[in-house]
Amino acid sequence: MNLSNNPIALLGRGFLNLIQTIGRISIFTAESLSHCFRPPFYTHLILKQTLEIGYYSLPVVGLTGIFAGMVLALQSYTGFSRFAADSAIPAVVVLSITRELGPVLAGLMVAGRVGASMAAEIGTMRVTEQIDALSTLSTNPFKYLIAPRLIAAAISLPFLVLIADIIGVLGGYLVSVHKLDFNSQAYLANTFEFLEVMDVVSGLVKAAVFGFLIALMGCYHGFYSRGGAQGVGSATTNAVVSGAILVLIFNYIITEAFFSQ
């Protein structure tokens, strides 16, 4: 039997490729983290990436947040009104936004926007041998390209999520007060009564982790891209998909760590 068509050989080859990929990602992560905490720090690059990741992502994150809050208020009212539990809507909106929807939706939006951009930029530098040129000039690519993006993403995402939380709660407030005829003062009182510091903190911790993971995947797939324009395109797709999957996986892990009994 031809080994290339042997199911056991294919399974073994796939398993070995998986182990190789995990090992390469682990080494890449360890190398990147070490340069995030060791001088010198390219402060101007960190600020540039913070502007690119944080400030320019505000419109998409803001729109996502406000419409998520508005839809959540409408859907909650549809369900709770059947059981005369309308008073629980402010608590549901604020807890859902701060704990889950704010961090996760912002993370997914940034993964689509920033993860793809990082993979395309670094991948283009790889296939055009600009990264090799940096090494020739005694400039460490991890220090110059990877570390600033990781630091900037881990710093920017919590601020984006905080803004998304505020806008999302505002969206729920607007729909509840102006469409569902809630009392404005009572809605705000219920919102602040049920909101705790840990609800916001857990979301911001998620955001910092998500930012790091999104930047890591974008940089990793771009750094190891091969094969010209087609390879860069594949790296961009893989960066977005892997970043989004890691956001969802670590969302559960962090939620379990904060709120499991």
Protein backbone atom coordinates (compact mmCIF):
# COMPACT_ATOMS: atom_id res chain seq x y z
CA MET A 1 0.00 0.00 0.00
CA ASN A 2 1.20 3.46 -0.85
CA LEU A 3 2.16 5.17 2.42
CA SER A 4 0.76 8.47 1.18
CA ASN A 5 -2.73 6.87 1.11
CA ASN A 6 -2.37 4.90 4.34
CA PRO A 7 -4.90 6.25 6.89
CA ILE A 8 -2.58 5.45 9.79
CA ALA A 9 0.30 7.26 8.10
CA LEU A 10 -1.92 10.27 7.41
CA LEU A 11 -3.10 10.30 11.02
CA GLY A 12 0.46 10.06 12.29
CA ARG A 13 1.64 12.82 9.97
CA GLY A 14 -1.20 15.07 11.11
CA PHE A 15 -0.39 14.39 14.77
CA LEU A 16 3.30 15.16 14.24
CA ASN A 17 2.41 18.39 12.41
CA LEU A 18 0.15 19.36 15.33
CA ILE A 19 2.94 18.74 17.85
CA GLN A 20 5.37 20.71 15.69
CA THR A 21 2.96 23.65 15.45
CA ILE A 22 2.31 23.67 19.20
CA GLY A 23 6.06 23.60 19.86
CA ARG A 24 6.74 26.41 17.41
CA ILE A 25 3.96 28.58 18.87
CA SER A 26 5.26 27.92 22.39
CA ILE A 27 8.81 28.91 21.46
CA PHE A 28 7.54 31.97 19.60
CA THR A 29 5.42 33.00 22.61
CA ALA A 30 8.29 32.55 25.07
CA GLU A 31 10.68 34.51 22.85
CA SER A 32 8.15 37.30 22.34
CA LEU A 33 7.34 37.57 26.05
CA SER A 34 11.00 37.76 26.98
CA HIS A 35 11.47 40.78 24.72
CA CYS A 36 8.37 42.47 26.17
CA PHE A 37 10.09 42.72 29.56
CA ARG A 38 13.73 43.26 28.54
CA PRO A 39 15.14 46.63 27.46
CA PRO A 40 15.61 48.37 25.15
CA PHE A 41 11.98 49.33 24.53
CA TYR A 42 11.00 51.04 21.28
CA THR A 43 8.61 53.50 22.90
CA HIS A 44 7.73 55.28 19.66
CA LEU A 45 6.72 51.97 18.07
CA ILE A 46 4.60 51.05 21.09
CA LEU A 47 2.81 54.41 20.90
CA LYS A 48 2.32 54.03 17.17
CA GLN A 49 0.79 50.57 17.58
CA THR A 50 -1.36 51.76 20.49
CA LEU A 51 -2.79 54.45 18.22
CA GLU A 52 -3.36 51.93 15.43
CA ILE A 53 -4.92 49.26 17.63
CA GLY A 54 -6.78 51.41 20.14
CA TYR A 55 -7.79 54.73 18.66
CA TYR A 56 -8.58 53.53 15.15
CA SER A 57 -10.64 50.61 16.51
CA LEU A 58 -12.92 52.90 18.51
CA PRO A 59 -15.62 53.33 15.81
CA VAL A 60 -16.17 49.62 15.16
CA VAL A 61 -16.00 48.72 18.86
CA GLY A 62 -18.35 51.57 19.77
CA LEU A 63 -20.93 50.60 17.17
CA THR A 64 -20.73 46.97 18.22
CA GLY A 65 -21.17 47.90 21.88
CA ILE A 66 -24.16 50.20 21.51
CA PHE A 67 -26.14 47.88 19.24
CA ALA A 68 -25.33 44.88 21.44
CA GLY A 69 -26.73 46.76 24.44
CA MET A 70 -29.83 47.84 22.52
CA VAL A 71 -30.59 44.36 21.21
CA LEU A 72 -29.94 42.83 24.63
CA ALA A 73 -32.46 45.18 26.25
CA LEU A 74 -35.10 44.36 23.62
CA GLN A 75 -34.58 40.60 23.85
CA SER A 76 -34.55 40.67 27.66
CA TYR A 77 -37.80 42.58 27.71
CA THR A 78 -39.40 40.10 25.31
CA GLY A 79 -38.57 37.22 27.63
CA PHE A 80 -38.92 38.78 31.07
CA SER A 81 -42.21 40.53 30.38
CA ARG A 82 -43.87 37.11 30.18
CA PHE A 83 -42.98 36.52 33.83
CA ALA A 84 -43.49 40.10 35.09
CA ALA A 85 -39.74 40.36 35.72
CA ASP A 86 -39.12 43.62 33.87
CA SER A 87 -37.18 45.03 36.82
CA ALA A 88 -34.38 42.53 36.16
CA ILE A 89 -33.58 43.98 32.72
CA PRO A 90 -31.09 46.65 33.95
CA ALA A 91 -29.13 44.00 35.86
CA VAL A 92 -29.11 41.61 32.90
CA VAL A 93 -27.91 44.31 30.54
CA VAL A 94 -25.10 45.66 32.72
CA LEU A 95 -23.83 42.24 33.84
CA SER A 96 -23.97 40.75 30.35
CA ILE A 97 -22.16 43.71 28.82
CA THR A 98 -19.41 44.07 31.43
CA ARG A 99 -18.73 40.38 32.00
CA GLU A 100 -19.17 38.87 28.55
CA LEU A 101 -20.45 40.81 25.57
CA GLY A 102 -18.15 43.81 25.93
CA PRO A 103 -14.85 41.87 26.09
CA VAL A 104 -15.83 39.13 23.66
CA LEU A 105 -17.39 41.29 20.95
CA ALA A 106 -14.58 43.86 21.19
CA GLY A 107 -12.03 41.04 21.01
CA LEU A 108 -13.64 39.52 17.93
CA MET A 109 -13.88 42.89 16.19
CA VAL A 110 -10.25 43.71 16.94
CA ALA A 111 -9.20 40.20 15.85
CA GLY A 112 -10.81 40.82 12.48
CA ARG A 113 -9.36 44.29 12.07
CA VAL A 114 -5.98 44.25 13.82
CA GLY A 115 -5.05 40.57 13.64
CA ALA A 116 -5.42 40.58 9.87
CA SER A 117 -3.48 43.83 9.56
CA MET A 118 -0.56 42.53 11.63
CA ALA A 119 -0.39 39.25 9.75
CA ALA A 120 -0.49 41.00 6.37
CA GLU A 121 2.14 43.58 7.32
CA ILE A 122 4.61 41.18 8.91
CA GLY A 123 3.91 38.52 6.28
CA THR A 124 4.72 40.98 3.51
CA MET A 125 7.93 41.88 5.30
CA ARG A 126 8.79 38.18 5.52
CA VAL A 127 8.21 37.32 1.87
CA THR A 128 10.05 40.46 0.70
CA GLU A 129 13.00 39.58 3.01
CA GLN A 130 12.71 42.77 5.07
CA ILE A 131 12.82 40.72 8.28
CA ASP A 132 16.07 39.12 7.14
CA ALA A 133 17.38 42.60 6.44
CA LEU A 134 16.59 43.64 10.02
CA SER A 135 18.64 40.72 11.31
CA THR A 136 21.48 41.67 8.98
CA LEU A 137 21.43 45.18 10.49
CA SER A 138 21.68 43.67 14.01
CA THR A 139 18.08 44.58 14.84
CA ASN A 140 16.18 41.80 16.58
CA PRO A 141 12.86 41.26 14.73
CA PHE A 142 11.15 40.18 17.96
CA LYS A 143 12.23 43.35 19.72
CA TYR A 144 11.41 45.65 16.80
CA LEU A 145 8.28 44.04 15.29
CA ILE A 146 6.65 41.67 17.76
CA ALA A 147 7.10 43.12 21.26
CA PRO A 148 5.66 46.59 20.50
CA ARG A 149 2.53 45.04 19.01
CA LEU A 150 2.01 42.68 21.94
CA ILE A 151 2.46 45.45 24.52
CA ALA A 152 0.25 47.89 22.63
CA ALA A 153 -2.55 45.33 22.17
CA ALA A 154 -2.51 44.27 25.84
CA ILE A 155 -2.73 47.95 26.86
CA SER A 156 -5.28 49.09 24.26
CA LEU A 157 -7.93 46.36 24.59
CA PRO A 158 -8.89 47.12 28.23
CA PHE A 159 -9.52 50.77 27.32
CA LEU A 160 -11.54 49.73 24.29
CA VAL A 161 -13.59 47.31 26.38
CA LEU A 162 -14.20 49.91 29.07
CA ILE A 163 -15.55 52.28 26.43
CA ALA A 164 -17.60 49.45 24.88
CA ASP A 165 -19.07 48.69 28.33
CA ILE A 166 -20.15 52.29 28.84
CA ILE A 167 -21.60 52.62 25.34
CA GLY A 168 -23.32 49.22 25.57
CA VAL A 169 -24.99 50.05 28.87
CA LEU A 170 -25.99 53.41 27.39
CA GLY A 171 -27.59 51.61 24.44
CA GLY A 172 -29.62 49.42 26.79
CA TYR A 173 -30.63 52.50 28.77
CA LEU A 174 -31.79 54.38 25.66
CA VAL A 175 -33.94 51.52 24.41
CA SER A 176 -35.38 50.77 27.85
CA VAL A 177 -36.26 54.38 28.66
CA HIS A 178 -37.31 55.74 25.28
CA LYS A 179 -38.87 52.64 23.71
CA LEU A 180 -39.92 50.36 26.57
CA ASP A 181 -41.10 53.20 28.85
CA PHE A 182 -38.87 52.45 31.82
CA ASN A 183 -38.41 55.12 34.48
CA SER A 184 -35.00 56.70 33.92
CA GLN A 185 -34.02 57.07 37.59
CA ALA A 186 -35.24 53.60 38.51
CA TYR A 187 -33.31 52.06 35.60
CA LEU A 188 -30.08 53.78 36.62
CA ALA A 189 -30.60 52.87 40.29
CA ASN A 190 -31.06 49.18 39.42
CA THR A 191 -28.03 49.28 37.14
CA PHE A 192 -25.69 50.61 39.83
CA GLU A 193 -27.23 48.41 42.52
CA PHE A 194 -26.35 45.17 40.75
CA LEU A 195 -23.02 46.23 39.23
CA GLU A 196 -19.95 45.23 41.26
CA VAL A 197 -16.29 46.10 40.81
CA MET A 198 -15.41 42.48 40.06
CA ASP A 199 -17.78 42.46 37.08
CA VAL A 200 -15.84 45.27 35.43
CA VAL A 201 -12.41 43.98 36.52
CA SER A 202 -13.05 40.52 35.11
CA GLY A 203 -13.95 42.05 31.75
CA LEU A 204 -10.81 44.20 31.70
CA VAL A 205 -8.61 41.21 32.57
CA LYS A 206 -10.23 39.32 29.72
CA ALA A 207 -9.55 42.27 27.42
CA ALA A 208 -5.83 42.37 28.25
CA VAL A 209 -5.50 38.62 27.64
CA PHE A 210 -7.51 38.82 24.43
CA GLY A 211 -5.37 41.70 23.16
CA PHE A 212 -2.19 39.75 23.78
CA LEU A 213 -3.56 36.62 22.09
CA ILE A 214 -4.86 38.51 19.05
CA ALA A 215 -1.53 40.28 18.53
CA LEU A 216 0.37 37.04 19.13
CA MET A 217 -1.57 35.17 16.47
CA GLY A 218 -1.28 38.01 13.98
CA CYS A 219 2.46 38.27 14.50
CA TYR A 220 3.02 34.50 14.55
CA HIS A 221 1.21 33.75 11.30
CA GLY A 222 2.78 36.74 9.59
CA PHE A 223 6.27 35.87 10.84
CA TYR A 224 6.11 32.31 9.50
CA SER A 225 4.26 33.04 6.26
CA ARG A 226 5.75 31.61 3.10
CA GLY A 227 4.96 31.49 -0.59
CA GLY A 228 4.51 35.06 -1.75
CA ALA A 229 1.12 36.75 -1.99
CA GLN A 230 -0.80 33.51 -1.55
CA GLY A 231 1.11 32.73 1.62
CA VAL A 232 0.40 36.18 3.03
CA GLY A 233 -3.30 35.73 2.29
CA SER A 234 -3.34 32.37 4.07
CA ALA A 235 -1.47 33.86 7.03
CA THR A 236 -4.03 36.66 7.29
CA THR A 237 -6.95 34.21 7.28
CA ASN A 238 -5.29 31.93 9.82
CA ALA A 239 -4.50 34.88 12.10
CA VAL A 240 -8.13 36.00 12.23
CA VAL A 241 -9.53 32.50 12.71
CA SER A 242 -7.02 31.42 15.36
CA GLY A 243 -7.33 34.75 17.19
CA ALA A 244 -11.13 34.50 17.32
CA ILE A 245 -11.01 30.88 18.51
CA LEU A 246 -8.52 31.71 21.27
CA VAL A 247 -10.71 34.61 22.39
CA LEU A 248 -13.66 32.24 22.85
CA ILE A 249 -11.55 29.55 24.56
CA PHE A 250 -9.87 31.91 27.01
CA ASN A 251 -13.17 33.66 27.65
CA TYR A 252 -14.43 30.44 29.22
CA ILE A 253 -11.16 29.82 31.09
CA ILE A 254 -11.08 33.30 32.65
CA THR A 255 -14.80 33.20 33.45
CA GLU A 256 -14.26 29.89 35.22
CA ALA A 257 -11.36 31.36 37.18
CA PHE A 258 -13.31 34.44 38.32
CA PHE A 259 -16.83 33.16 38.90
CA SER A 260 -16.68 29.40 39.56
CA GLN A 261 -17.90 28.41 43.01
